[in-house]
Amino acid sequence: MYLMLMLAGAAAMLAAPQSNEDILATFELHPDFQIELIAREPVVFDPVDMVFDEAGRLYVLEMPGYPLGETSGHVIQLKDANGDGFYEERMIFADNFPVADSLLPWKGGLLVASPPDLVFIKDTDGDGRADVREILLSGFDVGNTQHNFNGLTYGLDNWIYAASGGNAGVVHWPHTPEEKTPIRGNDFRFDLNAKRFEVVGASTGGFELALDDFGRFFATH
């Protein structure tokens, strides 16, 4: 098995910057795994999620304002210029997210869980910056930062699932604001093409979702 891990905050917690080798030496691994450093400060800061899109591009969601939300977050694209597996360049893809904690590739762009909204961002002119920014769902509560909705994940049924995190909300589609769905701390799923939204359970997961081969979802609390 092969594990690739992005480390960003380790150096910031130490009195002096360490070499990549020194950082990797601090991990104790099962012998079936291998670890490599693919990015570190100053290329990436305060990461809370990372995804590869359909073209293999790597995007990282940074949340420098945690836990008080005093600094806006942003989505960055990391680039490996020489193809050695280490990302040494960064470009801000989209910024000014007061609070955001989850990414998911969708239709050539990215979905961003940024309460009170689910936001779609996309670069249509090829300059590396998102020029499309559209609110697809709204009404999620903004409260305790680590209890916001999170964990955008594709299900085996082609719906997108997410955990409420515990902050609840009364969710609606922007084109039908009068049709509201209280989630009351429940997890949920949605079909963006058919404009369907359903409550599915209550894990109060605050840190992503995991899906196994049988379609069962797991969350952490």
N, C-alpha and C. Protein backbone atom coordinates (compact mmCIF):
# COMPACT_ATOMS: atom_id res chain seq x y z
N MET A 1 0.84 -1.19 0.00
CA MET A 1 0.00 0.00 0.00
C MET A 1 0.88 1.24 0.00
N TYR A 2 0.35 2.31 -0.58
CA TYR A 2 1.16 3.52 -0.74
C TYR A 2 0.35 4.70 -0.23
N LEU A 3 0.91 5.44 0.66
CA LEU A 3 0.23 6.58 1.26
C LEU A 3 0.98 7.85 0.93
N MET A 4 0.27 8.84 0.34
CA MET A 4 0.89 10.14 0.04
C MET A 4 0.25 11.17 0.95
N LEU A 5 1.06 11.89 1.70
CA LEU A 5 0.56 12.79 2.72
C LEU A 5 1.13 14.17 2.52
N MET A 6 0.25 15.20 2.59
CA MET A 6 0.70 16.57 2.52
C MET A 6 0.87 17.11 3.93
N LEU A 7 2.03 17.62 4.22
CA LEU A 7 2.32 18.18 5.54
C LEU A 7 2.53 19.68 5.41
N ALA A 8 1.80 20.44 6.21
CA ALA A 8 1.93 21.88 6.08
C ALA A 8 2.23 22.56 7.41
N GLY A 9 1.61 22.10 8.48
CA GLY A 9 1.72 22.83 9.73
C GLY A 9 2.85 22.40 10.63
N ALA A 10 3.53 21.30 10.30
CA ALA A 10 4.54 20.77 11.20
C ALA A 10 5.65 21.77 11.46
N ALA A 11 6.15 22.42 10.41
CA ALA A 11 7.27 23.34 10.58
C ALA A 11 6.88 24.54 11.42
N ALA A 12 5.61 24.97 11.30
CA ALA A 12 5.18 26.15 12.04
C ALA A 12 5.14 25.91 13.53
N MET A 13 5.04 24.65 13.96
CA MET A 13 4.95 24.34 15.38
C MET A 13 6.31 24.18 16.03
N LEU A 14 7.36 24.27 15.25
CA LEU A 14 8.70 24.05 15.78
C LEU A 14 9.44 25.37 15.89
N ALA A 15 10.47 25.37 16.72
CA ALA A 15 11.22 26.60 16.95
C ALA A 15 11.98 27.03 15.70
N ALA A 16 12.46 26.08 14.91
CA ALA A 16 13.21 26.39 13.70
C ALA A 16 12.75 25.47 12.58
N PRO A 17 12.76 25.95 11.33
CA PRO A 17 12.34 25.10 10.21
C PRO A 17 13.20 23.84 10.13
N GLN A 18 12.57 22.73 9.80
CA GLN A 18 13.27 21.47 9.67
C GLN A 18 13.35 21.08 8.20
N SER A 19 14.28 20.21 7.89
CA SER A 19 14.37 19.69 6.54
C SER A 19 13.23 18.72 6.28
N ASN A 20 12.96 18.47 5.01
CA ASN A 20 11.92 17.50 4.67
C ASN A 20 12.20 16.15 5.30
N GLU A 21 13.45 15.73 5.29
CA GLU A 21 13.83 14.44 5.85
C GLU A 21 13.57 14.38 7.35
N ASP A 22 13.86 15.49 8.05
CA ASP A 22 13.63 15.52 9.49
C ASP A 22 12.14 15.44 9.81
N ILE A 23 11.32 16.10 9.01
CA ILE A 23 9.88 16.05 9.23
C ILE A 23 9.36 14.63 9.05
N LEU A 24 9.76 13.98 7.97
CA LEU A 24 9.29 12.62 7.70
C LEU A 24 9.74 11.65 8.78
N ALA A 25 10.89 11.91 9.38
CA ALA A 25 11.42 11.02 10.41
C ALA A 25 10.59 11.04 11.69
N THR A 26 9.71 12.02 11.85
CA THR A 26 8.88 12.10 13.05
C THR A 26 7.68 11.17 12.99
N PHE A 27 7.43 10.55 11.83
CA PHE A 27 6.27 9.66 11.68
C PHE A 27 6.67 8.20 11.90
N GLU A 28 5.81 7.47 12.58
CA GLU A 28 5.98 6.04 12.74
C GLU A 28 4.95 5.33 11.88
N LEU A 29 5.40 4.54 10.88
CA LEU A 29 4.51 3.94 9.90
C LEU A 29 4.45 2.43 10.04
N HIS A 30 3.29 1.89 9.69
CA HIS A 30 3.17 0.45 9.53
C HIS A 30 4.07 0.05 8.35
N PRO A 31 4.72 -1.09 8.41
CA PRO A 31 5.66 -1.46 7.33
C PRO A 31 5.02 -1.60 5.95
N ASP A 32 3.70 -1.74 5.87
CA ASP A 32 3.05 -1.85 4.57
C ASP A 32 2.85 -0.49 3.89
N PHE A 33 3.18 0.60 4.59
CA PHE A 33 2.95 1.93 4.05
C PHE A 33 4.26 2.64 3.75
N GLN A 34 4.15 3.60 2.85
CA GLN A 34 5.27 4.49 2.52
C GLN A 34 4.76 5.92 2.59
N ILE A 35 5.60 6.84 3.01
CA ILE A 35 5.17 8.23 3.13
C ILE A 35 6.14 9.13 2.38
N GLU A 36 5.60 10.14 1.70
CA GLU A 36 6.40 11.13 1.01
C GLU A 36 5.83 12.52 1.29
N LEU A 37 6.67 13.49 1.41
CA LEU A 37 6.24 14.87 1.57
C LEU A 37 6.00 15.45 0.19
N ILE A 38 4.79 16.00 -0.05
CA ILE A 38 4.50 16.56 -1.37
C ILE A 38 4.37 18.09 -1.35
N ALA A 39 4.19 18.70 -0.18
CA ALA A 39 4.10 20.16 -0.11
C ALA A 39 4.30 20.60 1.34
N ARG A 40 4.80 21.79 1.51
CA ARG A 40 4.99 22.32 2.85
C ARG A 40 5.03 23.85 2.77
N GLU A 41 4.97 24.50 3.93
CA GLU A 41 5.13 25.95 3.96
C GLU A 41 6.48 26.33 3.32
N PRO A 42 6.56 27.43 2.59
CA PRO A 42 5.54 28.47 2.41
C PRO A 42 4.63 28.27 1.20
N VAL A 43 4.58 27.08 0.64
CA VAL A 43 3.70 26.86 -0.52
C VAL A 43 2.26 26.64 -0.08
N VAL A 44 2.05 26.07 1.09
CA VAL A 44 0.70 25.83 1.57
C VAL A 44 0.62 26.15 3.05
N PHE A 45 -0.50 26.75 3.47
CA PHE A 45 -0.70 27.13 4.86
C PHE A 45 -2.09 26.67 5.33
N ASP A 46 -2.19 26.22 6.55
CA ASP A 46 -3.48 25.95 7.20
C ASP A 46 -4.45 25.16 6.33
N PRO A 47 -4.02 24.02 5.76
CA PRO A 47 -4.92 23.25 4.89
C PRO A 47 -5.97 22.48 5.68
N VAL A 48 -7.20 22.45 5.16
CA VAL A 48 -8.26 21.66 5.78
C VAL A 48 -8.86 20.65 4.81
N ASP A 49 -8.57 20.76 3.52
CA ASP A 49 -9.04 19.77 2.55
C ASP A 49 -8.19 19.89 1.29
N MET A 50 -8.08 18.77 0.55
CA MET A 50 -7.37 18.79 -0.72
C MET A 50 -8.02 17.78 -1.66
N VAL A 51 -8.08 18.12 -2.95
CA VAL A 51 -8.69 17.24 -3.94
C VAL A 51 -7.90 17.32 -5.25
N PHE A 52 -7.96 16.24 -6.02
CA PHE A 52 -7.50 16.24 -7.39
C PHE A 52 -8.71 16.29 -8.30
N ASP A 53 -8.69 17.15 -9.32
CA ASP A 53 -9.81 17.20 -10.24
C ASP A 53 -9.62 16.18 -11.36
N GLU A 54 -10.52 16.19 -12.34
CA GLU A 54 -10.49 15.18 -13.39
C GLU A 54 -9.27 15.31 -14.30
N ALA A 55 -8.59 16.45 -14.25
CA ALA A 55 -7.38 16.65 -15.05
C ALA A 55 -6.12 16.40 -14.24
N GLY A 56 -6.26 15.94 -12.99
CA GLY A 56 -5.11 15.66 -12.15
C GLY A 56 -4.54 16.88 -11.45
N ARG A 57 -5.24 18.01 -11.52
CA ARG A 57 -4.76 19.22 -10.84
C ARG A 57 -5.09 19.14 -9.35
N LEU A 58 -4.16 19.62 -8.54
CA LEU A 58 -4.30 19.53 -7.09
C LEU A 58 -4.75 20.86 -6.51
N TYR A 59 -5.85 20.83 -5.77
CA TYR A 59 -6.39 22.02 -5.12
C TYR A 59 -6.42 21.81 -3.61
N VAL A 60 -6.11 22.85 -2.88
CA VAL A 60 -6.10 22.81 -1.42
C VAL A 60 -6.96 23.94 -0.89
N LEU A 61 -7.78 23.62 0.08
CA LEU A 61 -8.59 24.63 0.76
C LEU A 61 -7.87 25.04 2.04
N GLU A 62 -7.55 26.31 2.16
CA GLU A 62 -6.85 26.82 3.33
C GLU A 62 -7.81 27.60 4.22
N MET A 63 -7.72 27.41 5.53
CA MET A 63 -8.57 28.09 6.49
C MET A 63 -7.72 28.80 7.53
N PRO A 64 -7.09 29.92 7.16
CA PRO A 64 -6.21 30.61 8.11
C PRO A 64 -6.95 31.24 9.28
N GLY A 65 -8.25 31.42 9.18
CA GLY A 65 -8.99 32.07 10.25
C GLY A 65 -9.51 31.16 11.35
N TYR A 66 -9.22 29.84 11.24
CA TYR A 66 -9.72 28.92 12.26
C TYR A 66 -9.07 29.23 13.62
N PRO A 67 -9.80 29.23 14.74
CA PRO A 67 -11.21 28.86 14.87
C PRO A 67 -12.17 30.03 14.91
N LEU A 68 -11.67 31.25 14.82
CA LEU A 68 -12.53 32.42 15.03
C LEU A 68 -13.09 32.99 13.73
N GLY A 69 -12.59 32.56 12.58
CA GLY A 69 -13.10 33.06 11.32
C GLY A 69 -12.75 34.50 11.04
N GLU A 70 -11.67 34.98 11.62
CA GLU A 70 -11.31 36.39 11.45
C GLU A 70 -10.59 36.65 10.14
N THR A 71 -10.04 35.60 9.50
CA THR A 71 -9.33 35.74 8.23
C THR A 71 -10.00 34.85 7.19
N SER A 72 -10.28 35.39 6.02
CA SER A 72 -10.97 34.64 4.99
C SER A 72 -10.10 33.50 4.46
N GLY A 73 -10.77 32.42 4.09
CA GLY A 73 -10.08 31.29 3.51
C GLY A 73 -10.00 31.41 2.00
N HIS A 74 -9.25 30.50 1.37
CA HIS A 74 -9.12 30.52 -0.07
C HIS A 74 -8.78 29.14 -0.59
N VAL A 75 -9.03 28.97 -1.88
CA VAL A 75 -8.70 27.74 -2.59
C VAL A 75 -7.46 28.02 -3.41
N ILE A 76 -6.43 27.19 -3.26
CA ILE A 76 -5.21 27.38 -4.03
C ILE A 76 -4.98 26.15 -4.92
N GLN A 77 -4.32 26.38 -6.03
CA GLN A 77 -3.88 25.28 -6.87
C GLN A 77 -2.38 25.12 -6.69
N LEU A 78 -1.96 23.89 -6.38
CA LEU A 78 -0.54 23.61 -6.24
C LEU A 78 -0.01 23.04 -7.55
N LYS A 79 1.25 23.38 -7.88
CA LYS A 79 1.85 22.92 -9.13
C LYS A 79 3.22 22.31 -8.88
N ASP A 80 3.44 21.20 -9.55
CA ASP A 80 4.73 20.50 -9.53
C ASP A 80 5.41 20.81 -10.86
N ALA A 81 6.27 21.82 -10.89
CA ALA A 81 6.81 22.33 -12.16
C ALA A 81 7.76 21.35 -12.83
N ASN A 82 8.52 20.58 -12.06
CA ASN A 82 9.53 19.71 -12.67
C ASN A 82 9.16 18.23 -12.64
N GLY A 83 7.95 17.92 -12.19
CA GLY A 83 7.47 16.55 -12.24
C GLY A 83 8.12 15.58 -11.27
N ASP A 84 8.69 16.10 -10.18
CA ASP A 84 9.37 15.21 -9.23
C ASP A 84 8.47 14.75 -8.09
N GLY A 85 7.19 15.13 -8.13
CA GLY A 85 6.26 14.71 -7.10
C GLY A 85 6.16 15.65 -5.93
N PHE A 86 6.96 16.72 -5.92
CA PHE A 86 6.92 17.73 -4.85
C PHE A 86 6.38 19.03 -5.44
N TYR A 87 5.35 19.57 -4.80
CA TYR A 87 4.68 20.78 -5.31
C TYR A 87 5.37 22.01 -4.74
N GLU A 88 5.97 22.81 -5.64
CA GLU A 88 6.74 23.96 -5.18
C GLU A 88 6.15 25.31 -5.60
N GLU A 89 4.98 25.29 -6.26
CA GLU A 89 4.35 26.54 -6.69
C GLU A 89 2.89 26.57 -6.23
N ARG A 90 2.41 27.76 -5.94
CA ARG A 90 1.01 27.94 -5.54
C ARG A 90 0.40 29.09 -6.33
N MET A 91 -0.89 28.95 -6.59
CA MET A 91 -1.65 30.01 -7.25
C MET A 91 -3.02 30.07 -6.58
N ILE A 92 -3.46 31.26 -6.20
CA ILE A 92 -4.78 31.40 -5.59
C ILE A 92 -5.83 31.23 -6.67
N PHE A 93 -6.67 30.19 -6.53
CA PHE A 93 -7.72 29.89 -7.49
C PHE A 93 -8.98 30.69 -7.19
N ALA A 94 -9.32 30.83 -5.91
CA ALA A 94 -10.48 31.61 -5.48
C ALA A 94 -10.27 31.99 -4.03
N ASP A 95 -10.73 33.19 -3.66
CA ASP A 95 -10.52 33.64 -2.29
C ASP A 95 -11.79 34.25 -1.72
N ASN A 96 -11.64 34.88 -0.56
CA ASN A 96 -12.75 35.54 0.13
C ASN A 96 -13.87 34.58 0.51
N PHE A 97 -13.50 33.46 1.14
CA PHE A 97 -14.47 32.57 1.76
C PHE A 97 -14.40 32.80 3.26
N PRO A 98 -15.39 33.48 3.86
CA PRO A 98 -15.33 33.76 5.30
C PRO A 98 -15.07 32.51 6.13
N VAL A 99 -15.79 31.42 5.79
CA VAL A 99 -15.56 30.12 6.41
C VAL A 99 -15.77 29.07 5.32
N ALA A 100 -14.85 28.16 5.18
CA ALA A 100 -14.99 27.08 4.19
C ALA A 100 -14.16 25.89 4.67
N ASP A 101 -14.69 24.66 4.48
CA ASP A 101 -13.98 23.51 5.03
C ASP A 101 -14.02 22.26 4.17
N SER A 102 -14.58 22.31 2.95
CA SER A 102 -14.64 21.10 2.15
C SER A 102 -14.70 21.44 0.67
N LEU A 103 -14.02 20.61 -0.15
CA LEU A 103 -14.00 20.77 -1.60
C LEU A 103 -14.46 19.48 -2.27
N LEU A 104 -15.03 19.62 -3.48
CA LEU A 104 -15.37 18.45 -4.29
C LEU A 104 -15.39 18.85 -5.76
N PRO A 105 -14.62 18.16 -6.62
CA PRO A 105 -14.67 18.47 -8.05
C PRO A 105 -16.06 18.21 -8.61
N TRP A 106 -16.52 19.11 -9.51
CA TRP A 106 -17.86 18.97 -10.10
C TRP A 106 -17.93 19.79 -11.38
N LYS A 107 -18.23 19.13 -12.47
CA LYS A 107 -18.47 19.78 -13.76
C LYS A 107 -17.35 20.74 -14.16
N GLY A 108 -16.11 20.30 -14.05
CA GLY A 108 -14.99 21.11 -14.47
C GLY A 108 -14.58 22.19 -13.50
N GLY A 109 -15.25 22.26 -12.37
CA GLY A 109 -14.91 23.25 -11.34
C GLY A 109 -14.89 22.58 -9.98
N LEU A 110 -15.18 23.34 -8.94
CA LEU A 110 -15.14 22.83 -7.58
C LEU A 110 -16.35 23.29 -6.80
N LEU A 111 -16.91 22.39 -6.01
CA LEU A 111 -17.90 22.75 -5.01
C LEU A 111 -17.16 23.10 -3.73
N VAL A 112 -17.61 24.16 -3.06
CA VAL A 112 -17.00 24.61 -1.81
C VAL A 112 -18.07 24.70 -0.73
N ALA A 113 -17.88 23.97 0.36
CA ALA A 113 -18.77 24.09 1.51
C ALA A 113 -18.37 25.34 2.28
N SER A 114 -19.12 26.40 2.09
CA SER A 114 -18.80 27.70 2.69
C SER A 114 -20.06 28.30 3.28
N PRO A 115 -20.46 27.86 4.49
CA PRO A 115 -21.73 28.32 5.05
C PRO A 115 -21.80 29.84 5.16
N PRO A 116 -22.98 30.37 4.83
CA PRO A 116 -24.27 29.67 4.74
C PRO A 116 -24.56 29.01 3.39
N ASP A 117 -23.55 28.92 2.52
CA ASP A 117 -23.81 28.48 1.16
C ASP A 117 -22.98 27.28 0.73
N LEU A 118 -23.48 26.59 -0.28
CA LEU A 118 -22.68 25.68 -1.09
C LEU A 118 -22.37 26.44 -2.37
N VAL A 119 -21.09 26.64 -2.66
CA VAL A 119 -20.66 27.52 -3.75
C VAL A 119 -19.98 26.70 -4.84
N PHE A 120 -20.25 27.04 -6.09
CA PHE A 120 -19.56 26.44 -7.23
C PHE A 120 -18.61 27.46 -7.83
N ILE A 121 -17.34 27.08 -8.00
CA ILE A 121 -16.35 27.96 -8.62
C ILE A 121 -15.72 27.24 -9.81
N LYS A 122 -15.37 28.03 -10.84
CA LYS A 122 -14.82 27.42 -12.05
C LYS A 122 -14.02 28.46 -12.82
N ASP A 123 -12.94 28.00 -13.44
CA ASP A 123 -12.12 28.84 -14.33
C ASP A 123 -12.53 28.54 -15.76
N THR A 124 -13.15 29.51 -16.44
CA THR A 124 -13.61 29.28 -17.81
C THR A 124 -12.72 29.91 -18.87
N ASP A 125 -11.76 30.77 -18.46
CA ASP A 125 -10.91 31.44 -19.45
C ASP A 125 -9.46 30.96 -19.42
N GLY A 126 -9.18 29.97 -18.54
CA GLY A 126 -7.86 29.35 -18.54
C GLY A 126 -6.75 30.14 -17.91
N ASP A 127 -7.07 31.16 -17.10
CA ASP A 127 -6.01 31.95 -16.49
C ASP A 127 -5.62 31.46 -15.10
N GLY A 128 -6.21 30.34 -14.66
CA GLY A 128 -5.87 29.79 -13.35
C GLY A 128 -6.63 30.40 -12.19
N ARG A 129 -7.55 31.32 -12.47
CA ARG A 129 -8.38 31.93 -11.44
C ARG A 129 -9.85 31.64 -11.75
N ALA A 130 -10.62 31.35 -10.72
CA ALA A 130 -12.04 31.08 -10.91
C ALA A 130 -12.76 32.38 -11.29
N ASP A 131 -13.43 32.37 -12.43
CA ASP A 131 -14.21 33.53 -12.84
C ASP A 131 -15.71 33.27 -12.71
N VAL A 132 -16.09 32.03 -12.37
CA VAL A 132 -17.48 31.69 -12.07
C VAL A 132 -17.58 31.44 -10.57
N ARG A 133 -18.56 32.06 -9.95
CA ARG A 133 -18.82 31.85 -8.52
C ARG A 133 -20.33 31.90 -8.32
N GLU A 134 -20.92 30.74 -8.07
CA GLU A 134 -22.38 30.62 -8.04
C GLU A 134 -22.83 29.90 -6.77
N ILE A 135 -23.84 30.44 -6.12
CA ILE A 135 -24.43 29.80 -4.95
C ILE A 135 -25.45 28.78 -5.42
N LEU A 136 -25.24 27.51 -5.04
CA LEU A 136 -26.13 26.43 -5.47
C LEU A 136 -27.14 26.04 -4.40
N LEU A 137 -26.75 26.13 -3.14
CA LEU A 137 -27.63 25.87 -2.00
C LEU A 137 -27.33 26.91 -0.93
N SER A 138 -28.32 27.22 -0.12
CA SER A 138 -28.09 28.21 0.93
C SER A 138 -28.93 27.86 2.16
N GLY A 139 -28.61 28.51 3.27
CA GLY A 139 -29.37 28.32 4.50
C GLY A 139 -28.68 27.51 5.57
N PHE A 140 -27.42 27.14 5.34
CA PHE A 140 -26.68 26.40 6.36
C PHE A 140 -26.27 27.35 7.49
N ASP A 141 -26.37 26.87 8.72
CA ASP A 141 -26.00 27.70 9.86
C ASP A 141 -24.51 28.01 9.86
N VAL A 142 -24.17 29.20 10.33
CA VAL A 142 -22.78 29.58 10.56
C VAL A 142 -22.61 29.72 12.07
N GLY A 143 -21.88 28.80 12.66
CA GLY A 143 -21.71 28.83 14.11
C GLY A 143 -20.31 28.43 14.48
N ASN A 144 -20.21 27.52 15.44
CA ASN A 144 -18.91 26.98 15.83
C ASN A 144 -18.19 26.49 14.57
N THR A 145 -17.00 27.00 14.32
CA THR A 145 -16.31 26.75 13.06
C THR A 145 -16.14 25.26 12.76
N GLN A 146 -15.87 24.46 13.76
CA GLN A 146 -15.63 23.05 13.50
C GLN A 146 -16.91 22.23 13.46
N HIS A 147 -18.06 22.88 13.53
CA HIS A 147 -19.34 22.19 13.42
C HIS A 147 -20.13 22.61 12.19
N ASN A 148 -19.49 23.31 11.27
CA ASN A 148 -20.16 23.66 10.03
C ASN A 148 -20.31 22.44 9.13
N PHE A 149 -21.19 22.52 8.14
CA PHE A 149 -21.38 21.37 7.26
C PHE A 149 -20.11 21.11 6.48
N ASN A 150 -19.84 19.83 6.21
CA ASN A 150 -18.53 19.45 5.69
C ASN A 150 -18.61 18.08 5.02
N GLY A 151 -17.48 17.61 4.52
CA GLY A 151 -17.38 16.25 4.03
C GLY A 151 -18.07 15.99 2.71
N LEU A 152 -18.03 16.91 1.77
CA LEU A 152 -18.65 16.69 0.47
C LEU A 152 -18.08 15.42 -0.16
N THR A 153 -18.95 14.46 -0.44
CA THR A 153 -18.51 13.14 -0.90
C THR A 153 -19.52 12.56 -1.89
N TYR A 154 -19.03 12.01 -2.99
CA TYR A 154 -19.90 11.32 -3.93
C TYR A 154 -20.32 9.97 -3.35
N GLY A 155 -21.62 9.67 -3.42
CA GLY A 155 -22.11 8.36 -3.03
C GLY A 155 -22.19 7.43 -4.23
N LEU A 156 -22.37 6.14 -3.96
CA LEU A 156 -22.49 5.16 -5.03
C LEU A 156 -23.76 5.37 -5.85
N ASP A 157 -24.70 6.12 -5.30
CA ASP A 157 -25.97 6.40 -5.98
C ASP A 157 -25.92 7.68 -6.82
N ASN A 158 -24.72 8.27 -6.94
CA ASN A 158 -24.51 9.51 -7.70
C ASN A 158 -25.09 10.75 -7.04
N TRP A 159 -25.55 10.65 -5.80
CA TRP A 159 -25.88 11.83 -5.02
C TRP A 159 -24.59 12.30 -4.34
N ILE A 160 -24.60 13.54 -3.90
CA ILE A 160 -23.50 14.08 -3.10
C ILE A 160 -23.94 14.13 -1.65
N TYR A 161 -23.11 13.58 -0.77
CA TYR A 161 -23.43 13.51 0.65
C TYR A 161 -22.57 14.52 1.42
N ALA A 162 -23.07 14.93 2.58
CA ALA A 162 -22.31 15.82 3.46
C ALA A 162 -22.79 15.64 4.89
N ALA A 163 -21.92 15.95 5.82
CA ALA A 163 -22.28 15.93 7.24
C ALA A 163 -22.67 17.34 7.67
N SER A 164 -23.66 17.42 8.53
CA SER A 164 -24.09 18.75 8.97
C SER A 164 -23.08 19.37 9.93
N GLY A 165 -22.36 18.53 10.67
CA GLY A 165 -21.40 19.04 11.65
C GLY A 165 -22.03 19.40 12.97
N GLY A 166 -23.35 19.59 13.00
CA GLY A 166 -24.03 19.90 14.25
C GLY A 166 -24.63 21.29 14.32
N ASN A 167 -24.28 22.17 13.37
CA ASN A 167 -24.79 23.54 13.43
C ASN A 167 -26.19 23.69 12.85
N ALA A 168 -26.69 22.66 12.16
CA ALA A 168 -28.04 22.66 11.62
C ALA A 168 -28.21 23.69 10.50
N GLY A 169 -29.44 24.18 10.35
CA GLY A 169 -29.76 25.12 9.28
C GLY A 169 -31.10 24.80 8.67
N VAL A 170 -31.61 25.73 7.86
CA VAL A 170 -32.84 25.55 7.09
C VAL A 170 -32.46 25.80 5.64
N VAL A 171 -32.30 24.74 4.87
CA VAL A 171 -31.65 24.79 3.57
C VAL A 171 -32.68 24.99 2.46
N HIS A 172 -32.29 25.74 1.44
CA HIS A 172 -33.17 25.97 0.29
C HIS A 172 -32.34 26.17 -0.97
N TRP A 173 -32.99 25.95 -2.11
CA TRP A 173 -32.40 26.26 -3.40
C TRP A 173 -32.59 27.74 -3.68
N PRO A 174 -31.61 28.44 -4.24
CA PRO A 174 -31.75 29.88 -4.46
C PRO A 174 -32.97 30.27 -5.31
N HIS A 175 -33.37 29.39 -6.24
CA HIS A 175 -34.49 29.74 -7.11
C HIS A 175 -35.85 29.48 -6.45
N THR A 176 -35.87 28.74 -5.32
CA THR A 176 -37.12 28.49 -4.60
C THR A 176 -36.88 28.69 -3.10
N PRO A 177 -36.61 29.93 -2.68
CA PRO A 177 -36.28 30.18 -1.27
C PRO A 177 -37.42 29.86 -0.32
N GLU A 178 -38.63 29.77 -0.84
CA GLU A 178 -39.77 29.49 0.03
C GLU A 178 -39.86 28.00 0.40
N GLU A 179 -39.17 27.14 -0.34
CA GLU A 179 -39.18 25.70 -0.06
C GLU A 179 -37.96 25.36 0.79
N LYS A 180 -38.16 25.29 2.09
CA LYS A 180 -37.05 25.14 3.02
C LYS A 180 -37.06 23.74 3.65
N THR A 181 -35.86 23.20 3.88
CA THR A 181 -35.71 21.89 4.53
C THR A 181 -34.88 22.05 5.79
N PRO A 182 -35.49 21.93 6.97
CA PRO A 182 -34.70 21.98 8.21
C PRO A 182 -33.83 20.72 8.32
N ILE A 183 -32.57 20.89 8.63
CA ILE A 183 -31.72 19.70 8.77
C ILE A 183 -31.48 19.35 10.24
N ARG A 184 -31.65 20.29 11.16
CA ARG A 184 -31.62 20.03 12.60
C ARG A 184 -30.43 19.15 13.02
N GLY A 185 -29.27 19.42 12.47
CA GLY A 185 -28.10 18.66 12.85
C GLY A 185 -27.94 17.34 12.13
N ASN A 186 -28.84 17.03 11.19
CA ASN A 186 -28.76 15.78 10.45
C ASN A 186 -27.83 15.90 9.25
N ASP A 187 -27.25 14.78 8.85
CA ASP A 187 -26.51 14.72 7.60
C ASP A 187 -27.50 14.72 6.45
N PHE A 188 -26.99 14.89 5.23
CA PHE A 188 -27.92 15.06 4.11
C PHE A 188 -27.24 14.66 2.80
N ARG A 189 -28.05 14.56 1.76
CA ARG A 189 -27.55 14.32 0.42
C ARG A 189 -28.32 15.22 -0.54
N PHE A 190 -27.70 15.50 -1.71
CA PHE A 190 -28.38 16.34 -2.68
C PHE A 190 -27.98 15.95 -4.09
N ASP A 191 -28.90 16.19 -5.01
CA ASP A 191 -28.71 15.96 -6.44
C ASP A 191 -28.80 17.32 -7.12
N LEU A 192 -27.66 17.86 -7.52
CA LEU A 192 -27.63 19.22 -8.06
C LEU A 192 -28.32 19.31 -9.41
N ASN A 193 -28.30 18.24 -10.20
CA ASN A 193 -28.92 18.29 -11.52
C ASN A 193 -30.44 18.29 -11.42
N ALA A 194 -30.97 17.45 -10.54
CA ALA A 194 -32.42 17.35 -10.40
C ALA A 194 -32.98 18.28 -9.33
N LYS A 195 -32.10 19.01 -8.64
CA LYS A 195 -32.50 19.92 -7.56
C LYS A 195 -33.30 19.18 -6.48
N ARG A 196 -32.69 18.11 -5.96
CA ARG A 196 -33.30 17.35 -4.87
C ARG A 196 -32.39 17.41 -3.65
N PHE A 197 -33.00 17.52 -2.49
CA PHE A 197 -32.26 17.62 -1.22
C PHE A 197 -32.98 16.78 -0.19
N GLU A 198 -32.23 15.89 0.51
CA GLU A 198 -32.84 15.00 1.48
C GLU A 198 -31.97 14.87 2.72
N VAL A 199 -32.62 14.79 3.88
CA VAL A 199 -31.94 14.47 5.14
C VAL A 199 -31.76 12.95 5.20
N VAL A 200 -30.58 12.48 5.66
CA VAL A 200 -30.32 11.05 5.64
C VAL A 200 -29.94 10.44 6.99
N GLY A 201 -29.55 11.22 7.97
CA GLY A 201 -29.14 10.63 9.25
C GLY A 201 -28.47 11.65 10.12
N ALA A 202 -28.00 11.21 11.26
CA ALA A 202 -27.41 12.14 12.23
C ALA A 202 -26.12 11.60 12.79
N SER A 203 -25.01 11.94 12.17
CA SER A 203 -23.71 11.56 12.71
C SER A 203 -23.04 12.70 13.45
N THR A 204 -23.46 13.94 13.15
CA THR A 204 -22.83 15.15 13.68
C THR A 204 -21.34 15.14 13.38
N GLY A 205 -20.96 14.57 12.25
CA GLY A 205 -19.55 14.49 11.89
C GLY A 205 -18.96 15.85 11.61
N GLY A 206 -17.82 16.14 12.22
CA GLY A 206 -17.21 17.44 12.04
C GLY A 206 -16.00 17.46 11.15
N PHE A 207 -15.53 16.27 10.72
CA PHE A 207 -14.27 16.22 9.98
C PHE A 207 -14.34 15.21 8.84
N GLU A 208 -15.13 15.55 7.82
CA GLU A 208 -15.24 14.74 6.60
C GLU A 208 -16.06 13.47 6.80
N LEU A 209 -16.34 12.82 5.66
CA LEU A 209 -17.06 11.55 5.61
C LEU A 209 -16.21 10.53 4.87
N ALA A 210 -16.41 9.26 5.18
CA ALA A 210 -15.74 8.19 4.45
C ALA A 210 -16.80 7.20 3.97
N LEU A 211 -16.60 6.68 2.77
CA LEU A 211 -17.54 5.75 2.15
C LEU A 211 -16.82 4.44 1.88
N ASP A 212 -17.39 3.30 2.33
CA ASP A 212 -16.74 2.02 2.07
C ASP A 212 -17.31 1.38 0.80
N ASP A 213 -16.84 0.17 0.49
CA ASP A 213 -17.23 -0.50 -0.75
C ASP A 213 -18.68 -0.95 -0.77
N PHE A 214 -19.35 -0.91 0.37
CA PHE A 214 -20.74 -1.32 0.45
C PHE A 214 -21.69 -0.12 0.54
N GLY A 215 -21.15 1.09 0.37
CA GLY A 215 -21.98 2.28 0.40
C GLY A 215 -22.29 2.80 1.79
N ARG A 216 -21.61 2.25 2.80
CA ARG A 216 -21.83 2.73 4.17
C ARG A 216 -20.95 3.95 4.43
N PHE A 217 -21.53 4.94 5.10
CA PHE A 217 -20.79 6.16 5.40
C PHE A 217 -20.34 6.17 6.84
N PHE A 218 -19.14 6.73 7.05
CA PHE A 218 -18.56 6.84 8.38
C PHE A 218 -18.14 8.29 8.60
N ALA A 219 -18.38 8.78 9.81
CA ALA A 219 -18.00 10.16 10.14
C ALA A 219 -17.30 10.17 11.48
N THR A 220 -16.56 11.22 11.73
CA THR A 220 -15.92 11.40 13.03
C THR A 220 -16.58 12.52 13.79
N HIS A 221 -16.61 12.42 15.09
CA HIS A 221 -17.27 13.43 15.92
C HIS A 221 -16.34 13.80 17.07
